[in-house]
């Protein structure tokens, strides 16, 4: 499904991305397109994603009933980025893996994190 010039089989997941030439990664290009197609208000165009460890991006989210959850696995690698929300002191955090795409919004240091979009990726 994802073409890579570095001979990394991206269909196996992001665990081998450290050995990949991210500039030519088909999965990265596809995810950038998917993030931009969300058309989120005040989110700038996404032009790059980075390989990030789950522990680095795994914020705590409070559900409406008060339950606190984390979405990602701390030991797994994901593609993501942080961009400033236009006209705000908050940021958008982007993260994705083979199956899910997420955009969240948070304040300084990850404070008051809110899930904006969490969706299963269409892999057809």
C-alpha atoms as a PDB file:
ATOM      1  CA  UNK A   1       0.000   0.000   0.000  1.00  0.00           C
ATOM      2  CA  UNK A   2       2.780   2.476   0.870  1.00  0.00           C
ATOM      3  CA  UNK A   3       5.717   2.802  -1.446  1.00  0.00           C
ATOM      4  CA  UNK A   4       9.121   3.521  -0.034  1.00  0.00           C
ATOM      5  CA  UNK A   5      12.400   4.024  -1.803  1.00  0.00           C
ATOM      6  CA  UNK A   6      14.356   2.861   1.233  1.00  0.00           C
ATOM      7  CA  UNK A   7      13.163  -0.766   0.989  1.00  0.00           C
ATOM      8  CA  UNK A   8      11.334  -0.474   4.308  1.00  0.00           C
ATOM      9  CA  UNK A   9       8.009  -2.278   4.104  1.00  0.00           C
ATOM     10  CA  UNK A  10       5.763   0.451   5.555  1.00  0.00           C
ATOM     11  CA  UNK A  11       2.838  -1.966   5.681  1.00  0.00           C
ATOM     12  CA  UNK A  12       4.512  -3.584   8.682  1.00  0.00           C
ATOM     13  CA  UNK A  13       4.022  -0.361  10.640  1.00  0.00           C
ATOM     14  CA  UNK A  14       6.173   2.555  11.651  1.00  0.00           C
ATOM     15  CA  UNK A  15       8.655   0.619  13.771  1.00  0.00           C
ATOM     16  CA  UNK A  16      11.268   0.632  10.985  1.00  0.00           C
ATOM     17  CA  UNK A  17      10.875   4.294  10.013  1.00  0.00           C
ATOM     18  CA  UNK A  18      14.164   5.184  11.695  1.00  0.00           C
ATOM     19  CA  UNK A  19      15.861   3.464   8.775  1.00  0.00           C
ATOM     20  CA  UNK A  20      13.683   5.127   6.150  1.00  0.00           C
ATOM     21  CA  UNK A  21      14.422   8.143   4.001  1.00  0.00           C
ATOM     22  CA  UNK A  22      11.438  10.137   5.219  1.00  0.00           C
ATOM     23  CA  UNK A  23      11.697  12.532   2.259  1.00  0.00           C
ATOM     24  CA  UNK A  24      10.569   9.729  -0.049  1.00  0.00           C
ATOM     25  CA  UNK A  25       8.191   7.909   2.315  1.00  0.00           C
ATOM     26  CA  UNK A  26       4.868   7.143   0.644  1.00  0.00           C
ATOM     27  CA  UNK A  27       3.124   6.708   3.977  1.00  0.00           C
ATOM     28  CA  UNK A  28       4.256  10.153   5.112  1.00  0.00           C
ATOM     29  CA  UNK A  29       2.945  11.779   1.915  1.00  0.00           C
ATOM     30  CA  UNK A  30      -0.380   9.968   2.260  1.00  0.00           C
ATOM     31  CA  UNK A  31      -0.799  11.050   5.893  1.00  0.00           C
ATOM     32  CA  UNK A  32       0.007  14.685   5.084  1.00  0.00           C
ATOM     33  CA  UNK A  33      -2.731  14.569   2.465  1.00  0.00           C
ATOM     34  CA  UNK A  34      -5.168  13.008   4.948  1.00  0.00           C
ATOM     35  CA  UNK A  35      -4.423  15.628   7.630  1.00  0.00           C
ATOM     36  CA  UNK A  36      -4.869  18.497   5.163  1.00  0.00           C
ATOM     37  CA  UNK A  37      -8.141  17.050   3.865  1.00  0.00           C
ATOM     38  CA  UNK A  38      -9.661  17.410   7.355  1.00  0.00           C
ATOM     39  CA  UNK A  39      -9.977  21.184   6.726  1.00  0.00           C
ATOM     40  CA  UNK A  40      -9.713  22.052  10.415  1.00  0.00           C
ATOM     41  CA  UNK A  41     -10.353  25.719  11.140  1.00  0.00           C
ATOM     42  CA  UNK A  42      -7.225  27.647  12.156  1.00  0.00           C
ATOM     43  CA  UNK A  43      -4.888  24.724  11.359  1.00  0.00           C
ATOM     44  CA  UNK A  44      -2.154  25.690   8.897  1.00  0.00           C
ATOM     45  CA  UNK A  45      -1.337  23.470   5.933  1.00  0.00           C
ATOM     46  CA  UNK A  46       0.660  20.443   7.020  1.00  0.00           C
ATOM     47  CA  UNK A  47       3.866  20.059   5.028  1.00  0.00           C
ATOM     48  CA  UNK A  48       5.920  17.694   7.182  1.00  0.00           C
ATOM     49  CA  UNK A  49       5.596  14.861   9.685  1.00  0.00           C
ATOM     50  CA  UNK A  50       8.187  13.442  12.037  1.00  0.00           C
ATOM     51  CA  UNK A  51       8.710  10.008  13.522  1.00  0.00           C
ATOM     52  CA  UNK A  52       7.757  10.349  17.192  1.00  0.00           C
ATOM     53  CA  UNK A  53       7.729   7.882  20.058  1.00  0.00           C
ATOM     54  CA  UNK A  54       4.343   7.326  21.676  1.00  0.00           C
ATOM     55  CA  UNK A  55       5.637   8.354  25.102  1.00  0.00           C
ATOM     56  CA  UNK A  56       6.447  11.785  23.652  1.00  0.00           C
ATOM     57  CA  UNK A  57       2.985  12.402  22.176  1.00  0.00           C
ATOM     58  CA  UNK A  58       0.737  10.426  24.518  1.00  0.00           C
ATOM     59  CA  UNK A  59      -1.193  13.166  26.306  1.00  0.00           C
ATOM     60  CA  UNK A  60      -3.959  12.546  28.822  1.00  0.00           C
ATOM     61  CA  UNK A  61      -7.482  13.370  27.649  1.00  0.00           C
ATOM     62  CA  UNK A  62     -10.496  13.805  29.918  1.00  0.00           C
ATOM     63  CA  UNK A  63     -13.722  12.310  28.608  1.00  0.00           C
ATOM     64  CA  UNK A  64     -17.079  14.041  29.237  1.00  0.00           C
ATOM     65  CA  UNK A  65     -17.751  11.691  32.181  1.00  0.00           C
ATOM     66  CA  UNK A  66     -14.453  12.673  33.820  1.00  0.00           C
ATOM     67  CA  UNK A  67     -12.516   9.513  32.947  1.00  0.00           C
ATOM     68  CA  UNK A  68      -8.898  10.166  31.914  1.00  0.00           C
ATOM     69  CA  UNK A  69      -7.494   8.204  28.983  1.00  0.00           C
ATOM     70  CA  UNK A  70      -4.426   7.977  26.772  1.00  0.00           C
ATOM     71  CA  UNK A  71      -4.764   7.026  23.113  1.00  0.00           C
ATOM     72  CA  UNK A  72      -1.334   5.877  21.971  1.00  0.00           C
ATOM     73  CA  UNK A  73       1.101   3.165  23.063  1.00  0.00           C
ATOM     74  CA  UNK A  74       4.155   4.703  24.754  1.00  0.00           C
ATOM     75  CA  UNK A  75       6.519   2.197  23.131  1.00  0.00           C
ATOM     76  CA  UNK A  76       5.289   2.551  19.538  1.00  0.00           C
ATOM     77  CA  UNK A  77       6.504   4.944  16.840  1.00  0.00           C
ATOM     78  CA  UNK A  78       4.037   7.292  15.107  1.00  0.00           C
ATOM     79  CA  UNK A  79       4.151   9.982  12.446  1.00  0.00           C
ATOM     80  CA  UNK A  80       3.144  13.388  13.769  1.00  0.00           C
ATOM     81  CA  UNK A  81       3.796  17.068  14.193  1.00  0.00           C
ATOM     82  CA  UNK A  82       2.894  20.102  16.275  1.00  0.00           C
ATOM     83  CA  UNK A  83       1.616  23.287  14.646  1.00  0.00           C
ATOM     84  CA  UNK A  84       0.426  26.529  16.175  1.00  0.00           C
ATOM     85  CA  UNK A  85      -3.267  27.227  15.994  1.00  0.00           C
ATOM     86  CA  UNK A  86      -3.779  30.494  14.111  1.00  0.00           C
ATOM     87  CA  UNK A  87      -4.825  33.364  16.384  1.00  0.00           C
ATOM     88  CA  UNK A  88      -4.347  31.362  19.577  1.00  0.00           C
ATOM     89  CA  UNK A  89      -1.731  30.453  22.138  1.00  0.00           C
ATOM     90  CA  UNK A  90      -2.733  26.801  21.733  1.00  0.00           C
ATOM     91  CA  UNK A  91      -1.278  24.166  19.409  1.00  0.00           C
ATOM     92  CA  UNK A  92      -2.596  21.349  17.294  1.00  0.00           C
ATOM     93  CA  UNK A  93      -0.910  18.003  17.810  1.00  0.00           C
ATOM     94  CA  UNK A  94      -1.090  15.527  14.948  1.00  0.00           C
ATOM     95  CA  UNK A  95      -0.418  11.813  15.242  1.00  0.00           C
ATOM     96  CA  UNK A  96      -1.108   8.811  13.046  1.00  0.00           C
ATOM     97  CA  UNK A  97      -0.280   5.188  12.605  1.00  0.00           C
ATOM     98  CA  UNK A  98      -1.362   2.519  10.153  1.00  0.00           C
ATOM     99  CA  UNK A  99      -4.922   2.502  11.489  1.00  0.00           C
ATOM    100  CA  UNK A 100      -5.767   5.833  13.132  1.00  0.00           C
ATOM    101  CA  UNK A 101      -5.446   9.559  12.502  1.00  0.00           C
ATOM    102  CA  UNK A 102      -5.741  12.067  15.346  1.00  0.00           C
ATOM    103  CA  UNK A 103      -5.666  15.832  15.752  1.00  0.00           C
ATOM    104  CA  UNK A 104      -5.763  17.273  19.235  1.00  0.00           C
ATOM    105  CA  UNK A 105      -5.499  20.773  20.632  1.00  0.00           C
ATOM    106  CA  UNK A 106      -3.620  21.732  23.784  1.00  0.00           C
ATOM    107  CA  UNK A 107      -2.012  24.552  25.710  1.00  0.00           C
ATOM    108  CA  UNK A 108       1.550  25.028  26.900  1.00  0.00           C
ATOM    109  CA  UNK A 109       3.210  21.782  27.932  1.00  0.00           C
ATOM    110  CA  UNK A 110       0.226  19.728  26.728  1.00  0.00           C
ATOM    111  CA  UNK A 111      -2.180  21.329  29.223  1.00  0.00           C
ATOM    112  CA  UNK A 112      -5.939  20.947  28.756  1.00  0.00           C
ATOM    113  CA  UNK A 113      -5.638  18.557  25.829  1.00  0.00           C
ATOM    114  CA  UNK A 114      -8.779  18.050  23.749  1.00  0.00           C
ATOM    115  CA  UNK A 115      -9.363  15.570  20.933  1.00  0.00           C
ATOM    116  CA  UNK A 116     -10.503  17.392  17.789  1.00  0.00           C
ATOM    117  CA  UNK A 117     -10.518  14.439  15.359  1.00  0.00           C
ATOM    118  CA  UNK A 118      -9.904  10.752  16.019  1.00  0.00           C
ATOM    119  CA  UNK A 119     -10.791   8.533  13.121  1.00  0.00           C
ATOM    120  CA  UNK A 120     -10.066   5.165  11.660  1.00  0.00           C
ATOM    121  CA  UNK A 121      -8.106   5.565   8.449  1.00  0.00           C
ATOM    122  CA  UNK A 122      -9.647   4.419   5.190  1.00  0.00           C
ATOM    123  CA  UNK A 123      -7.066   1.982   3.865  1.00  0.00           C
ATOM    124  CA  UNK A 124      -8.940   0.819   0.781  1.00  0.00           C
END
